[in-house]
Amino acid sequence: MKELIIAFGLFLFVEGILYALFPSKMKNMLKKLELIKDSQLRTGGIVFALLGFIIIYYTKS
């Protein structure tokens, strides 16, 4: 459980740094998300979730 909290904190840290250092680029990137189809976003989300799970699984074992 401690590792999960640390990972979430790291995620928030990285997101915060990106928005703090590159606010205009992040806004432009978010505007471009509207042009992507929902199915493409869903597929990308599933792929990244599986990659994250595989990384966690092999790191923990």
N, C-alpha and C. Protein backbone atom coordinates (compact mmCIF):
# COMPACT_ATOMS: atom_id res chain seq x y z
N MET A 1 0.82 -1.20 0.00
CA MET A 1 0.00 0.00 0.00
C MET A 1 0.87 1.26 0.00
N LYS A 2 1.99 1.19 0.70
CA LYS A 2 2.89 2.34 0.75
C LYS A 2 3.42 2.69 -0.64
N GLU A 3 3.75 1.65 -1.43
CA GLU A 3 4.25 1.88 -2.78
C GLU A 3 3.20 2.55 -3.66
N LEU A 4 1.95 2.18 -3.48
CA LEU A 4 0.87 2.78 -4.26
C LEU A 4 0.74 4.27 -3.95
N ILE A 5 0.85 4.63 -2.71
CA ILE A 5 0.77 6.04 -2.31
C ILE A 5 1.97 6.80 -2.87
N ILE A 6 3.15 6.19 -2.83
CA ILE A 6 4.34 6.82 -3.39
C ILE A 6 4.19 7.00 -4.91
N ALA A 7 3.67 5.99 -5.58
CA ALA A 7 3.47 6.08 -7.03
C ALA A 7 2.47 7.18 -7.38
N PHE A 8 1.41 7.29 -6.62
CA PHE A 8 0.42 8.33 -6.86
C PHE A 8 1.02 9.71 -6.63
N GLY A 9 1.82 9.83 -5.59
CA GLY A 9 2.50 11.09 -5.31
C GLY A 9 3.46 11.45 -6.43
N LEU A 10 4.18 10.48 -6.95
CA LEU A 10 5.09 10.72 -8.07
C LEU A 10 4.32 11.15 -9.31
N PHE A 11 3.20 10.52 -9.56
CA PHE A 11 2.35 10.91 -10.69
C PHE A 11 1.91 12.37 -10.56
N LEU A 12 1.44 12.75 -9.38
CA LEU A 12 1.00 14.13 -9.17
C LEU A 12 2.17 15.11 -9.31
N PHE A 13 3.34 14.71 -8.83
CA PHE A 13 4.52 15.55 -8.94
C PHE A 13 4.88 15.81 -10.41
N VAL A 14 4.92 14.74 -11.20
CA VAL A 14 5.28 14.88 -12.62
C VAL A 14 4.25 15.73 -13.35
N GLU A 15 2.97 15.46 -13.11
CA GLU A 15 1.91 16.27 -13.74
C GLU A 15 2.05 17.73 -13.34
N GLY A 16 2.27 17.99 -12.09
CA GLY A 16 2.39 19.36 -11.61
C GLY A 16 3.57 20.09 -12.22
N ILE A 17 4.70 19.40 -12.32
CA ILE A 17 5.89 20.00 -12.93
C ILE A 17 5.63 20.34 -14.39
N LEU A 18 4.98 19.45 -15.12
CA LEU A 18 4.69 19.72 -16.53
C LEU A 18 3.82 20.96 -16.69
N TYR A 19 2.78 21.07 -15.88
CA TYR A 19 1.90 22.24 -15.97
C TYR A 19 2.61 23.51 -15.50
N ALA A 20 3.50 23.39 -14.54
CA ALA A 20 4.21 24.57 -14.04
C ALA A 20 5.26 25.07 -15.03
N LEU A 21 5.96 24.15 -15.69
CA LEU A 21 7.02 24.54 -16.61
C LEU A 21 6.52 24.90 -18.00
N PHE A 22 5.47 24.21 -18.46
CA PHE A 22 4.99 24.40 -19.83
C PHE A 22 3.47 24.61 -19.87
N PRO A 23 2.95 25.67 -19.25
CA PRO A 23 1.49 25.83 -19.19
C PRO A 23 0.83 26.00 -20.56
N SER A 24 1.43 26.76 -21.46
CA SER A 24 0.80 26.97 -22.76
C SER A 24 0.85 25.70 -23.62
N LYS A 25 1.94 24.97 -23.55
CA LYS A 25 2.03 23.71 -24.32
C LYS A 25 1.04 22.68 -23.80
N MET A 26 0.84 22.65 -22.48
CA MET A 26 -0.13 21.71 -21.92
C MET A 26 -1.55 22.06 -22.35
N LYS A 27 -1.86 23.36 -22.40
CA LYS A 27 -3.18 23.78 -22.86
C LYS A 27 -3.39 23.39 -24.33
N ASN A 28 -2.38 23.59 -25.14
CA ASN A 28 -2.49 23.20 -26.55
C ASN A 28 -2.67 21.70 -26.70
N MET A 29 -1.95 20.93 -25.89
CA MET A 29 -2.07 19.48 -25.95
C MET A 29 -3.49 19.04 -25.56
N LEU A 30 -4.05 19.66 -24.53
CA LEU A 30 -5.40 19.31 -24.10
C LEU A 30 -6.43 19.66 -25.16
N LYS A 31 -6.22 20.76 -25.89
CA LYS A 31 -7.13 21.13 -26.97
C LYS A 31 -7.08 20.10 -28.09
N LYS A 32 -5.91 19.54 -28.35
CA LYS A 32 -5.76 18.54 -29.41
C LYS A 32 -6.45 17.23 -29.05
N LEU A 33 -6.65 16.98 -27.76
CA LEU A 33 -7.33 15.75 -27.34
C LEU A 33 -8.76 15.69 -27.87
N GLU A 34 -9.38 16.85 -28.07
CA GLU A 34 -10.75 16.88 -28.59
C GLU A 34 -10.83 16.31 -30.00
N LEU A 35 -9.74 16.34 -30.74
CA LEU A 35 -9.74 15.86 -32.11
C LEU A 35 -9.58 14.34 -32.21
N ILE A 36 -9.18 13.71 -31.12
CA ILE A 36 -8.96 12.26 -31.12
C ILE A 36 -10.27 11.56 -30.79
N LYS A 37 -10.55 10.47 -31.51
CA LYS A 37 -11.77 9.69 -31.28
C LYS A 37 -11.72 9.02 -29.91
N ASP A 38 -12.90 8.83 -29.33
CA ASP A 38 -13.00 8.17 -28.03
C ASP A 38 -12.40 6.76 -28.06
N SER A 39 -12.64 6.05 -29.16
CA SER A 39 -12.12 4.68 -29.25
C SER A 39 -10.60 4.66 -29.25
N GLN A 40 -9.97 5.67 -29.88
CA GLN A 40 -8.51 5.73 -29.88
C GLN A 40 -7.98 6.04 -28.48
N LEU A 41 -8.65 6.94 -27.77
CA LEU A 41 -8.24 7.24 -26.40
C LEU A 41 -8.40 6.02 -25.50
N ARG A 42 -9.51 5.32 -25.68
CA ARG A 42 -9.76 4.12 -24.87
C ARG A 42 -8.69 3.06 -25.14
N THR A 43 -8.37 2.84 -26.41
CA THR A 43 -7.34 1.86 -26.76
C THR A 43 -5.99 2.26 -26.18
N GLY A 44 -5.63 3.51 -26.31
CA GLY A 44 -4.38 3.99 -25.73
C GLY A 44 -4.35 3.83 -24.23
N GLY A 45 -5.47 4.13 -23.57
CA GLY A 45 -5.55 3.96 -22.12
C GLY A 45 -5.37 2.52 -21.70
N ILE A 46 -5.99 1.61 -22.43
CA ILE A 46 -5.85 0.19 -22.11
C ILE A 46 -4.41 -0.27 -22.30
N VAL A 47 -3.79 0.16 -23.40
CA VAL A 47 -2.40 -0.22 -23.67
C VAL A 47 -1.48 0.28 -22.56
N PHE A 48 -1.62 1.55 -22.16
CA PHE A 48 -0.76 2.08 -21.11
C PHE A 48 -1.05 1.44 -19.76
N ALA A 49 -2.30 1.13 -19.49
CA ALA A 49 -2.64 0.45 -18.24
C ALA A 49 -1.99 -0.94 -18.20
N LEU A 50 -2.06 -1.66 -19.32
CA LEU A 50 -1.43 -2.99 -19.36
C LEU A 50 0.08 -2.90 -19.24
N LEU A 51 0.68 -1.93 -19.91
CA LEU A 51 2.13 -1.74 -19.77
C LEU A 51 2.52 -1.44 -18.33
N GLY A 52 1.76 -0.57 -17.70
CA GLY A 52 2.02 -0.26 -16.30
C GLY A 52 1.88 -1.47 -15.41
N PHE A 53 0.84 -2.27 -15.66
CA PHE A 53 0.64 -3.48 -14.87
C PHE A 53 1.80 -4.45 -15.06
N ILE A 54 2.25 -4.63 -16.30
CA ILE A 54 3.37 -5.54 -16.57
C ILE A 54 4.64 -5.07 -15.89
N ILE A 55 4.90 -3.76 -15.95
CA ILE A 55 6.08 -3.21 -15.28
C ILE A 55 6.01 -3.46 -13.78
N ILE A 56 4.87 -3.18 -13.19
CA ILE A 56 4.69 -3.40 -11.75
C ILE A 56 4.84 -4.87 -11.40
N TYR A 57 4.23 -5.74 -12.20
CA TYR A 57 4.27 -7.17 -11.92
C TYR A 57 5.71 -7.70 -11.94
N TYR A 58 6.46 -7.33 -12.96
CA TYR A 58 7.84 -7.84 -13.05
C TYR A 58 8.76 -7.17 -12.03
N THR A 59 8.46 -5.95 -11.65
CA THR A 59 9.28 -5.28 -10.63
C THR A 59 9.05 -5.91 -9.27
N LYS A 60 7.82 -6.27 -8.97
CA LYS A 60 7.49 -6.83 -7.65
C LYS A 60 7.91 -8.30 -7.53
N SER A 61 8.05 -9.01 -8.66
CA SER A 61 8.38 -10.45 -8.55
C SER A 61 9.85 -10.72 -8.74
